[in-house]
C-alpha cells in the first residue's frame, strides 16, 4: 500500500519565510523545512494498481500556472482542542479550479473526495498539549501575516512514509501547469 497525496511544493524563499516564524511554542512540533507543502488532495492508503491509475489520470488535468500568496494563520479543528497550526493561502481562482479538476479526474477513476471543504493551507506545526495562551499570542502576532506572491508552475503526486522520527514525503510524479 502507498500513502499518497497531491500537492504543491514551495520555493526556497517561502520556506525561509515560514521557518523564520518558528518560535518556542510549547507543544508545537514544527514541520520540517523539506516537508513544507500545500496539499491539494489527500488520498490515503492506495494499492499499487490504483497508484498507477492516479499517476496516469493526473496527466489529463489541464491546470494553469498561478501566483499564490500566504495569508494569515489558523488552527484545526476550530473550536476544540487544536491539533494543527497552519498558514493560509490568499483566495485564488486558479488554485480552486485546479483542485476541482483534480477532484473530477480522481472521481472518474472512482476515488471520491474525503474532505468536506477545501481550505488551502500549509501545515506548519502539529500541536499536542499546547499552551493555549502561547498559541493565542502566536496567532495574534501572526494573524495578518502575508508573503510576497510566489509562482506555481507544477503540482506533484507524493508518497508519504510515516516513520518514528516523522513523515518522509517523496515526489512520485510532476505535473506541469500551462
N, C-alpha and C. Protein backbone atom coordinates (compact mmCIF):
# COMPACT_ATOMS: atom_id res chain seq x y z
N UNK A 1 0.84 -1.18 0.00
CA UNK A 1 0.00 0.00 0.00
C UNK A 1 0.88 1.25 0.00
N UNK A 2 0.41 2.26 -0.69
CA UNK A 2 1.14 3.51 -0.80
C UNK A 2 0.26 4.62 -0.23
N UNK A 3 0.78 5.35 0.74
CA UNK A 3 0.07 6.51 1.31
C UNK A 3 0.39 7.69 0.41
N UNK A 4 -0.63 8.29 -0.19
CA UNK A 4 -0.34 9.31 -1.21
C UNK A 4 -1.22 10.54 -1.08
N UNK A 5 -0.67 11.64 -1.63
CA UNK A 5 -1.41 12.90 -1.69
C UNK A 5 -0.89 13.71 -2.86
N UNK A 6 -1.68 14.69 -3.26
CA UNK A 6 -1.33 15.60 -4.35
C UNK A 6 -1.07 16.96 -3.72
N UNK A 7 0.02 17.60 -4.14
CA UNK A 7 0.34 18.88 -3.52
C UNK A 7 1.21 19.76 -4.38
N UNK A 8 1.53 20.91 -3.80
CA UNK A 8 2.37 21.91 -4.44
C UNK A 8 3.57 22.15 -3.54
N UNK A 9 4.76 22.06 -4.11
CA UNK A 9 5.96 22.37 -3.34
C UNK A 9 6.13 23.88 -3.26
N UNK A 10 6.94 24.32 -2.32
CA UNK A 10 7.12 25.74 -2.08
C UNK A 10 8.53 26.17 -2.45
N UNK A 11 8.68 27.39 -2.99
CA UNK A 11 10.02 27.89 -3.30
C UNK A 11 10.83 28.12 -2.03
N UNK A 12 12.15 28.09 -2.17
CA UNK A 12 13.05 28.25 -1.03
C UNK A 12 12.76 29.50 -0.21
N UNK A 13 12.50 30.63 -0.90
CA UNK A 13 12.29 31.88 -0.16
C UNK A 13 11.01 31.83 0.67
N UNK A 14 10.02 31.08 0.23
CA UNK A 14 8.79 30.93 1.02
C UNK A 14 9.05 30.00 2.20
N UNK A 15 9.84 28.95 1.99
CA UNK A 15 10.22 28.08 3.12
C UNK A 15 11.02 28.88 4.15
N UNK A 16 11.91 29.76 3.69
CA UNK A 16 12.66 30.63 4.62
C UNK A 16 11.69 31.50 5.41
N UNK A 17 10.75 32.10 4.71
CA UNK A 17 9.76 32.98 5.34
C UNK A 17 9.00 32.23 6.43
N UNK A 18 8.59 31.00 6.11
CA UNK A 18 7.82 30.20 7.06
C UNK A 18 8.67 29.80 8.26
N UNK A 19 9.84 29.24 8.02
CA UNK A 19 10.65 28.74 9.13
C UNK A 19 11.16 29.88 10.01
N UNK A 20 11.25 31.08 9.48
CA UNK A 20 11.61 32.25 10.30
C UNK A 20 10.53 32.56 11.34
N UNK A 21 9.31 32.05 11.12
CA UNK A 21 8.21 32.28 12.06
C UNK A 21 8.27 31.32 13.25
N UNK A 22 9.01 30.22 13.12
CA UNK A 22 9.03 29.20 14.16
C UNK A 22 9.62 29.80 15.45
N UNK A 23 8.92 29.57 16.55
CA UNK A 23 9.33 30.11 17.85
C UNK A 23 9.27 28.99 18.89
N UNK A 24 9.63 29.35 20.11
CA UNK A 24 9.48 28.41 21.23
C UNK A 24 8.01 28.42 21.64
N UNK A 25 7.26 27.53 21.05
CA UNK A 25 5.83 27.41 21.35
C UNK A 25 5.63 26.03 21.97
N UNK A 26 5.49 25.99 23.28
CA UNK A 26 5.37 24.71 23.99
C UNK A 26 4.22 23.89 23.44
N UNK A 27 4.52 22.65 23.03
CA UNK A 27 3.51 21.76 22.50
C UNK A 27 3.42 21.74 20.98
N UNK A 28 4.27 22.56 20.31
CA UNK A 28 4.27 22.60 18.84
C UNK A 28 5.43 21.76 18.30
N UNK A 29 5.09 20.88 17.38
CA UNK A 29 6.13 20.14 16.65
C UNK A 29 6.14 20.75 15.24
N UNK A 30 7.13 21.59 14.98
CA UNK A 30 7.19 22.34 13.73
C UNK A 30 7.45 21.43 12.55
N UNK A 31 6.82 21.72 11.43
CA UNK A 31 7.02 20.96 10.20
C UNK A 31 8.43 21.21 9.69
N UNK A 32 9.14 20.14 9.37
CA UNK A 32 10.49 20.32 8.85
C UNK A 32 10.43 21.04 7.51
N UNK A 33 11.46 21.79 7.23
CA UNK A 33 11.54 22.59 6.01
C UNK A 33 11.26 21.75 4.76
N UNK A 34 11.85 20.56 4.70
CA UNK A 34 11.70 19.72 3.50
C UNK A 34 10.28 19.19 3.33
N UNK A 35 9.46 19.24 4.40
CA UNK A 35 8.09 18.74 4.32
C UNK A 35 7.05 19.84 4.12
N UNK A 36 7.46 21.08 4.03
CA UNK A 36 6.50 22.17 3.80
C UNK A 36 5.92 22.06 2.40
N UNK A 37 4.60 22.09 2.30
CA UNK A 37 3.91 21.97 1.01
C UNK A 37 2.46 22.41 1.20
N UNK A 38 1.78 22.58 0.10
CA UNK A 38 0.34 22.86 0.08
C UNK A 38 -0.35 21.60 -0.44
N UNK A 39 -1.16 20.97 0.39
CA UNK A 39 -1.89 19.77 -0.03
C UNK A 39 -3.11 20.16 -0.85
N UNK A 40 -3.22 19.58 -2.03
CA UNK A 40 -4.40 19.77 -2.87
C UNK A 40 -5.43 18.67 -2.62
N UNK A 41 -4.93 17.46 -2.38
CA UNK A 41 -5.85 16.33 -2.18
C UNK A 41 -5.11 15.18 -1.50
N UNK A 42 -5.66 14.69 -0.40
CA UNK A 42 -5.10 13.54 0.30
C UNK A 42 -5.90 12.31 -0.09
N UNK A 43 -5.22 11.26 -0.54
CA UNK A 43 -5.91 10.03 -0.91
C UNK A 43 -5.77 8.95 0.15
N UNK A 44 -4.74 9.02 0.96
CA UNK A 44 -4.52 7.98 1.97
C UNK A 44 -3.87 6.76 1.35
N UNK A 45 -4.13 5.62 1.95
CA UNK A 45 -3.52 4.36 1.51
C UNK A 45 -4.22 3.84 0.24
N UNK A 46 -3.43 3.62 -0.79
CA UNK A 46 -3.95 3.02 -2.03
C UNK A 46 -3.01 1.89 -2.44
N UNK A 47 -3.56 0.90 -3.14
CA UNK A 47 -2.68 -0.19 -3.60
C UNK A 47 -1.91 0.26 -4.84
N UNK A 48 -0.94 -0.51 -5.25
CA UNK A 48 -0.05 -0.13 -6.34
C UNK A 48 -0.78 0.09 -7.65
N UNK A 49 -1.80 -0.73 -7.96
CA UNK A 49 -2.51 -0.56 -9.23
C UNK A 49 -3.32 0.74 -9.23
N UNK A 50 -3.93 1.10 -8.10
CA UNK A 50 -4.66 2.37 -8.00
C UNK A 50 -3.67 3.53 -8.10
N UNK A 51 -2.51 3.37 -7.46
CA UNK A 51 -1.47 4.40 -7.52
C UNK A 51 -1.08 4.66 -8.99
N UNK A 52 -0.93 3.61 -9.77
CA UNK A 52 -0.58 3.75 -11.19
C UNK A 52 -1.72 4.43 -11.96
N UNK A 53 -2.97 4.11 -11.62
CA UNK A 53 -4.11 4.78 -12.24
C UNK A 53 -4.10 6.27 -11.94
N UNK A 54 -3.77 6.62 -10.70
CA UNK A 54 -3.71 8.03 -10.31
C UNK A 54 -2.63 8.75 -11.12
N UNK A 55 -1.45 8.15 -11.22
CA UNK A 55 -0.35 8.74 -11.99
C UNK A 55 -0.82 9.04 -13.41
N UNK A 56 -1.46 8.09 -14.03
CA UNK A 56 -1.93 8.25 -15.40
C UNK A 56 -3.06 9.28 -15.51
N UNK A 57 -4.02 9.19 -14.61
CA UNK A 57 -5.19 10.08 -14.67
C UNK A 57 -4.79 11.55 -14.50
N UNK A 58 -3.84 11.82 -13.62
CA UNK A 58 -3.45 13.21 -13.36
C UNK A 58 -2.80 13.87 -14.58
N UNK A 59 -2.32 13.08 -15.53
CA UNK A 59 -1.78 13.65 -16.77
C UNK A 59 -2.85 14.38 -17.57
N UNK A 60 -4.12 14.08 -17.28
CA UNK A 60 -5.24 14.70 -18.01
C UNK A 60 -5.67 16.04 -17.41
N UNK A 61 -5.13 16.40 -16.24
CA UNK A 61 -5.52 17.64 -15.58
C UNK A 61 -4.85 18.81 -16.29
N UNK A 62 -5.67 19.70 -16.84
CA UNK A 62 -5.15 20.88 -17.54
C UNK A 62 -5.30 22.11 -16.65
N UNK A 63 -4.33 22.31 -15.78
CA UNK A 63 -4.36 23.47 -14.91
C UNK A 63 -3.49 24.58 -15.46
N UNK A 64 -3.67 25.77 -14.94
CA UNK A 64 -2.86 26.91 -15.38
C UNK A 64 -1.91 27.33 -14.26
N UNK A 65 -0.75 27.84 -14.66
CA UNK A 65 0.20 28.34 -13.67
C UNK A 65 -0.43 29.53 -12.95
N UNK A 66 0.09 29.84 -11.79
CA UNK A 66 -0.54 30.86 -10.95
C UNK A 66 0.47 31.48 -10.01
N UNK A 67 0.04 32.52 -9.35
CA UNK A 67 0.79 33.16 -8.27
C UNK A 67 -0.02 32.95 -7.00
N UNK A 68 0.62 32.39 -5.97
CA UNK A 68 -0.04 32.22 -4.68
C UNK A 68 0.63 33.12 -3.66
N UNK A 69 -0.08 33.36 -2.56
CA UNK A 69 0.43 34.23 -1.52
C UNK A 69 -0.05 33.72 -0.17
N UNK A 70 0.87 33.61 0.79
CA UNK A 70 0.49 33.25 2.15
C UNK A 70 -0.35 34.36 2.75
N UNK A 71 -1.34 33.98 3.56
CA UNK A 71 -2.23 34.99 4.13
C UNK A 71 -2.87 34.47 5.41
N UNK A 72 -2.37 34.92 6.55
CA UNK A 72 -2.99 34.61 7.83
C UNK A 72 -2.61 33.26 8.40
N UNK A 73 -3.00 33.05 9.65
CA UNK A 73 -2.75 31.80 10.35
C UNK A 73 -4.06 31.27 10.92
N UNK A 74 -4.05 29.99 11.29
CA UNK A 74 -5.23 29.40 11.90
C UNK A 74 -4.91 28.06 12.50
N UNK A 75 -5.94 27.44 13.07
CA UNK A 75 -5.80 26.13 13.69
C UNK A 75 -6.91 25.21 13.20
N UNK A 76 -6.61 23.91 13.23
CA UNK A 76 -7.61 22.87 13.00
C UNK A 76 -7.60 21.97 14.23
N UNK A 77 -8.70 21.45 14.67
CA UNK A 77 -10.03 21.89 14.30
C UNK A 77 -10.38 23.17 15.05
N UNK A 78 -11.16 24.02 14.43
CA UNK A 78 -11.56 25.24 15.13
C UNK A 78 -12.57 24.91 16.23
N UNK A 79 -12.49 25.63 17.32
CA UNK A 79 -13.49 25.48 18.37
C UNK A 79 -13.30 24.32 19.31
N UNK A 80 -12.22 23.54 19.14
CA UNK A 80 -11.98 22.45 20.08
C UNK A 80 -10.46 22.36 20.30
N UNK A 81 -10.00 21.25 20.85
CA UNK A 81 -8.57 21.09 21.13
C UNK A 81 -7.77 21.18 19.83
N UNK A 82 -6.93 22.23 19.67
CA UNK A 82 -6.20 22.41 18.41
C UNK A 82 -5.15 21.31 18.20
N UNK A 83 -5.10 20.83 16.95
CA UNK A 83 -4.16 19.77 16.59
C UNK A 83 -3.18 20.21 15.51
N UNK A 84 -3.58 21.20 14.70
CA UNK A 84 -2.75 21.66 13.58
C UNK A 84 -2.71 23.18 13.57
N UNK A 85 -1.51 23.72 13.37
CA UNK A 85 -1.31 25.16 13.17
C UNK A 85 -0.95 25.35 11.70
N UNK A 86 -1.62 26.29 11.04
CA UNK A 86 -1.42 26.44 9.60
C UNK A 86 -1.29 27.89 9.18
N UNK A 87 -0.71 28.06 7.98
CA UNK A 87 -0.69 29.33 7.27
C UNK A 87 -1.67 29.22 6.12
N UNK A 88 -2.49 30.24 5.96
CA UNK A 88 -3.48 30.23 4.90
C UNK A 88 -2.91 30.70 3.57
N UNK A 89 -3.70 30.51 2.54
CA UNK A 89 -3.38 30.97 1.18
C UNK A 89 -4.45 31.97 0.78
N UNK A 90 -4.01 33.11 0.28
CA UNK A 90 -4.95 34.13 -0.20
C UNK A 90 -5.84 33.49 -1.27
N UNK A 91 -7.17 33.76 -1.24
CA UNK A 91 -8.07 33.15 -2.23
C UNK A 91 -7.56 33.34 -3.66
N UNK A 92 -7.65 32.26 -4.43
CA UNK A 92 -7.09 32.25 -5.78
C UNK A 92 -7.96 31.37 -6.68
N UNK A 93 -8.52 31.95 -7.73
CA UNK A 93 -9.43 31.20 -8.61
C UNK A 93 -8.73 30.06 -9.34
N UNK A 94 -7.47 30.28 -9.77
CA UNK A 94 -6.76 29.20 -10.48
C UNK A 94 -6.52 28.01 -9.56
N UNK A 95 -6.21 28.28 -8.28
CA UNK A 95 -6.00 27.20 -7.32
C UNK A 95 -7.30 26.42 -7.11
N UNK A 96 -8.40 27.13 -6.93
CA UNK A 96 -9.69 26.48 -6.75
C UNK A 96 -10.05 25.65 -7.98
N UNK A 97 -9.81 26.20 -9.17
CA UNK A 97 -10.10 25.47 -10.41
C UNK A 97 -9.23 24.23 -10.53
N UNK A 98 -7.96 24.34 -10.14
CA UNK A 98 -7.06 23.18 -10.20
C UNK A 98 -7.57 22.09 -9.27
N UNK A 99 -7.94 22.45 -8.07
CA UNK A 99 -8.46 21.47 -7.12
C UNK A 99 -9.72 20.79 -7.67
N UNK A 100 -10.62 21.57 -8.28
CA UNK A 100 -11.84 21.00 -8.85
C UNK A 100 -11.52 20.03 -9.99
N UNK A 101 -10.54 20.38 -10.83
CA UNK A 101 -10.15 19.48 -11.93
C UNK A 101 -9.54 18.19 -11.40
N UNK A 102 -8.75 18.30 -10.35
CA UNK A 102 -8.16 17.10 -9.73
C UNK A 102 -9.27 16.22 -9.15
N UNK A 103 -10.21 16.83 -8.43
CA UNK A 103 -11.32 16.07 -7.86
C UNK A 103 -12.11 15.34 -8.94
N UNK A 104 -12.40 16.04 -10.04
CA UNK A 104 -13.16 15.44 -11.14
C UNK A 104 -12.39 14.28 -11.76
N UNK A 105 -11.10 14.49 -11.99
CA UNK A 105 -10.27 13.45 -12.59
C UNK A 105 -10.20 12.22 -11.70
N UNK A 106 -10.03 12.42 -10.40
CA UNK A 106 -9.97 11.27 -9.49
C UNK A 106 -11.34 10.60 -9.37
N UNK A 107 -12.40 11.38 -9.40
CA UNK A 107 -13.74 10.81 -9.35
C UNK A 107 -13.98 9.90 -10.56
N UNK A 108 -13.41 10.28 -11.71
CA UNK A 108 -13.55 9.47 -12.92
C UNK A 108 -12.93 8.08 -12.77
N UNK A 109 -11.94 7.96 -11.86
CA UNK A 109 -11.35 6.65 -11.62
C UNK A 109 -11.81 6.07 -10.27
N UNK A 110 -12.95 6.57 -9.81
CA UNK A 110 -13.64 6.04 -8.63
C UNK A 110 -12.92 6.34 -7.31
N UNK A 111 -12.22 7.45 -7.25
CA UNK A 111 -11.65 7.91 -5.98
C UNK A 111 -12.43 9.15 -5.58
N UNK A 112 -13.29 8.97 -4.59
CA UNK A 112 -14.18 10.05 -4.17
C UNK A 112 -13.48 10.94 -3.14
N UNK A 113 -13.88 12.22 -3.07
CA UNK A 113 -13.27 13.15 -2.11
C UNK A 113 -13.47 12.70 -0.67
N UNK A 114 -12.46 12.97 0.17
CA UNK A 114 -12.53 12.65 1.59
C UNK A 114 -12.83 13.90 2.41
N UNK A 115 -12.36 15.03 1.92
CA UNK A 115 -12.53 16.27 2.67
C UNK A 115 -13.92 16.85 2.43
N UNK A 116 -14.40 17.58 3.43
CA UNK A 116 -15.70 18.22 3.28
C UNK A 116 -15.58 19.50 2.47
N UNK A 117 -14.52 20.26 2.75
CA UNK A 117 -14.36 21.55 2.10
C UNK A 117 -12.87 21.82 1.95
N UNK A 118 -12.48 22.34 0.81
CA UNK A 118 -11.07 22.64 0.55
C UNK A 118 -10.72 23.98 1.20
N UNK A 119 -9.80 23.94 2.15
CA UNK A 119 -9.29 25.15 2.80
C UNK A 119 -7.79 25.16 2.52
N UNK A 120 -7.35 25.90 1.49
CA UNK A 120 -5.93 25.90 1.14
C UNK A 120 -5.08 26.40 2.30
N UNK A 121 -4.10 25.59 2.69
CA UNK A 121 -3.24 25.94 3.82
C UNK A 121 -1.95 25.15 3.77
N UNK A 122 -1.00 25.62 4.53
CA UNK A 122 0.27 24.91 4.71
C UNK A 122 0.37 24.58 6.19
N UNK A 123 0.45 23.31 6.52
CA UNK A 123 0.60 22.90 7.91
C UNK A 123 2.01 23.26 8.36
N UNK A 124 2.10 24.09 9.41
CA UNK A 124 3.43 24.48 9.90
C UNK A 124 3.76 23.82 11.23
N UNK A 125 2.77 23.27 11.93
CA UNK A 125 3.06 22.56 13.18
C UNK A 125 1.92 21.62 13.54
N UNK A 126 2.28 20.52 14.17
CA UNK A 126 1.33 19.63 14.83
C UNK A 126 1.33 20.03 16.30
N UNK A 127 0.16 20.05 16.91
CA UNK A 127 0.04 20.53 18.27
C UNK A 127 -0.39 19.42 19.21
N UNK A 128 0.28 19.35 20.37
CA UNK A 128 -0.08 18.36 21.38
C UNK A 128 0.20 18.98 22.74
N UNK A 129 -0.83 18.98 23.59
CA UNK A 129 -0.71 19.60 24.91
C UNK A 129 -0.19 21.03 24.81
N UNK A 130 -0.76 21.76 23.87
CA UNK A 130 -0.31 23.12 23.59
C UNK A 130 -0.68 24.07 24.72
N UNK A 131 0.21 24.99 24.99
CA UNK A 131 -0.09 26.06 25.94
C UNK A 131 -1.00 27.04 25.20
N UNK A 132 -2.26 27.09 25.60
CA UNK A 132 -3.25 27.87 24.84
C UNK A 132 -2.96 29.37 24.87
N UNK A 133 -2.38 29.87 25.94
CA UNK A 133 -2.04 31.30 25.98
C UNK A 133 -0.92 31.61 24.99
N UNK A 134 0.08 30.74 24.93
CA UNK A 134 1.17 30.94 23.96
C UNK A 134 0.64 30.84 22.53
N UNK A 135 -0.26 29.89 22.29
CA UNK A 135 -0.84 29.73 20.96
C UNK A 135 -1.64 30.98 20.59
N UNK A 136 -2.42 31.47 21.53
CA UNK A 136 -3.22 32.67 21.28
C UNK A 136 -2.31 33.85 20.93
N UNK A 137 -1.21 33.99 21.63
CA UNK A 137 -0.24 35.06 21.34
C UNK A 137 0.36 34.88 19.95
N UNK A 138 0.74 33.63 19.61
CA UNK A 138 1.31 33.36 18.28
C UNK A 138 0.31 33.73 17.19
N UNK A 139 -0.94 33.31 17.36
CA UNK A 139 -1.97 33.60 16.35
C UNK A 139 -2.22 35.11 16.25
N UNK A 140 -2.19 35.80 17.37
CA UNK A 140 -2.39 37.25 17.37
C UNK A 140 -1.23 37.96 16.64
N UNK A 141 -0.01 37.54 16.94
CA UNK A 141 1.17 38.17 16.33
C UNK A 141 1.29 37.86 14.84
N UNK A 142 0.79 36.71 14.42
CA UNK A 142 0.97 36.26 13.03
C UNK A 142 -0.33 36.18 12.25
N UNK A 143 -1.43 36.64 12.82
CA UNK A 143 -2.74 36.52 12.18
C UNK A 143 -2.86 37.25 10.86
N UNK A 144 -2.09 38.32 10.69
CA UNK A 144 -2.19 39.08 9.44
C UNK A 144 -0.94 38.90 8.57
N UNK A 145 -0.21 37.81 8.81
CA UNK A 145 0.98 37.53 8.02
C UNK A 145 0.62 37.45 6.53
N UNK A 146 1.52 37.95 5.70
CA UNK A 146 1.30 37.93 4.25
C UNK A 146 2.65 37.90 3.56
N UNK A 147 2.85 36.92 2.69
CA UNK A 147 4.12 36.81 1.97
C UNK A 147 4.02 37.54 0.63
N UNK A 148 5.16 37.64 -0.01
CA UNK A 148 5.18 38.07 -1.40
C UNK A 148 4.52 36.97 -2.24
N UNK A 149 3.87 37.31 -3.35
CA UNK A 149 3.35 36.26 -4.23
C UNK A 149 4.48 35.37 -4.73
N UNK A 150 4.18 34.10 -4.92
CA UNK A 150 5.19 33.18 -5.45
C UNK A 150 4.58 32.36 -6.58
N UNK A 151 5.42 32.00 -7.58
CA UNK A 151 4.90 31.29 -8.75
C UNK A 151 4.67 29.80 -8.47
N UNK A 152 3.63 29.27 -9.09
CA UNK A 152 3.36 27.84 -9.05
C UNK A 152 3.19 27.38 -10.50
N UNK A 153 4.11 26.54 -10.95
CA UNK A 153 4.10 26.07 -12.33
C UNK A 153 3.93 24.56 -12.43
N UNK A 154 3.85 23.89 -11.27
CA UNK A 154 3.79 22.43 -11.23
C UNK A 154 3.04 21.98 -9.99
N UNK A 155 2.35 20.86 -10.11
CA UNK A 155 1.87 20.17 -8.92
C UNK A 155 2.43 18.77 -8.95
N UNK A 156 2.35 18.06 -7.83
CA UNK A 156 3.04 16.78 -7.70
C UNK A 156 2.14 15.72 -7.06
N UNK A 157 2.42 14.48 -7.40
CA UNK A 157 1.89 13.34 -6.67
C UNK A 157 3.00 12.91 -5.71
N UNK A 158 2.67 12.87 -4.42
CA UNK A 158 3.63 12.49 -3.39
C UNK A 158 3.26 11.14 -2.79
N UNK A 159 4.27 10.43 -2.31
CA UNK A 159 4.03 9.32 -1.40
C UNK A 159 4.51 9.78 -0.03
N UNK A 160 3.95 9.19 1.00
CA UNK A 160 4.27 9.57 2.37
C UNK A 160 4.53 8.31 3.19
N UNK A 161 5.70 8.28 3.80
CA UNK A 161 6.04 7.16 4.67
C UNK A 161 6.11 7.70 6.10
N UNK A 162 5.32 7.11 6.98
CA UNK A 162 5.29 7.55 8.37
C UNK A 162 6.34 6.78 9.16
N UNK A 163 7.33 7.51 9.67
CA UNK A 163 8.41 6.93 10.45
C UNK A 163 8.38 7.50 11.87
N UNK A 164 8.99 6.83 12.84
CA UNK A 164 9.00 7.34 14.22
C UNK A 164 9.59 8.76 14.32
N UNK A 165 10.58 9.07 13.49
CA UNK A 165 11.19 10.40 13.55
C UNK A 165 10.43 11.44 12.72
N UNK A 166 9.32 11.04 12.12
CA UNK A 166 8.49 11.96 11.35
C UNK A 166 8.26 11.46 9.93
N UNK A 167 7.31 12.05 9.23
CA UNK A 167 7.00 11.58 7.88
C UNK A 167 8.09 11.94 6.87
N UNK A 168 8.20 11.09 5.85
CA UNK A 168 9.09 11.35 4.72
C UNK A 168 8.22 11.42 3.48
N UNK A 169 8.26 12.58 2.80
CA UNK A 169 7.47 12.78 1.59
C UNK A 169 8.39 12.66 0.39
N UNK A 170 7.93 11.91 -0.62
CA UNK A 170 8.69 11.71 -1.85
C UNK A 170 7.83 12.11 -3.03
N UNK A 171 8.37 12.94 -3.91
CA UNK A 171 7.66 13.29 -5.14
C UNK A 171 7.71 12.08 -6.07
N UNK A 172 6.54 11.57 -6.42
CA UNK A 172 6.45 10.40 -7.31
C UNK A 172 6.30 10.82 -8.77
N UNK A 173 5.62 11.95 -9.00
CA UNK A 173 5.39 12.41 -10.38
C UNK A 173 5.13 13.91 -10.37
N UNK A 174 5.67 14.60 -11.38
CA UNK A 174 5.45 16.03 -11.55
C UNK A 174 4.40 16.25 -12.66
N UNK A 175 3.57 17.28 -12.49
CA UNK A 175 2.55 17.64 -13.48
C UNK A 175 2.65 19.13 -13.76
N UNK A 176 3.18 19.50 -14.93
CA UNK A 176 3.33 20.92 -15.23
C UNK A 176 1.98 21.61 -15.45
N UNK A 177 1.95 22.88 -15.07
CA UNK A 177 0.77 23.72 -15.32
C UNK A 177 1.09 24.64 -16.49
N UNK A 178 0.09 24.95 -17.30
CA UNK A 178 0.31 25.74 -18.51
C UNK A 178 0.23 27.22 -18.22
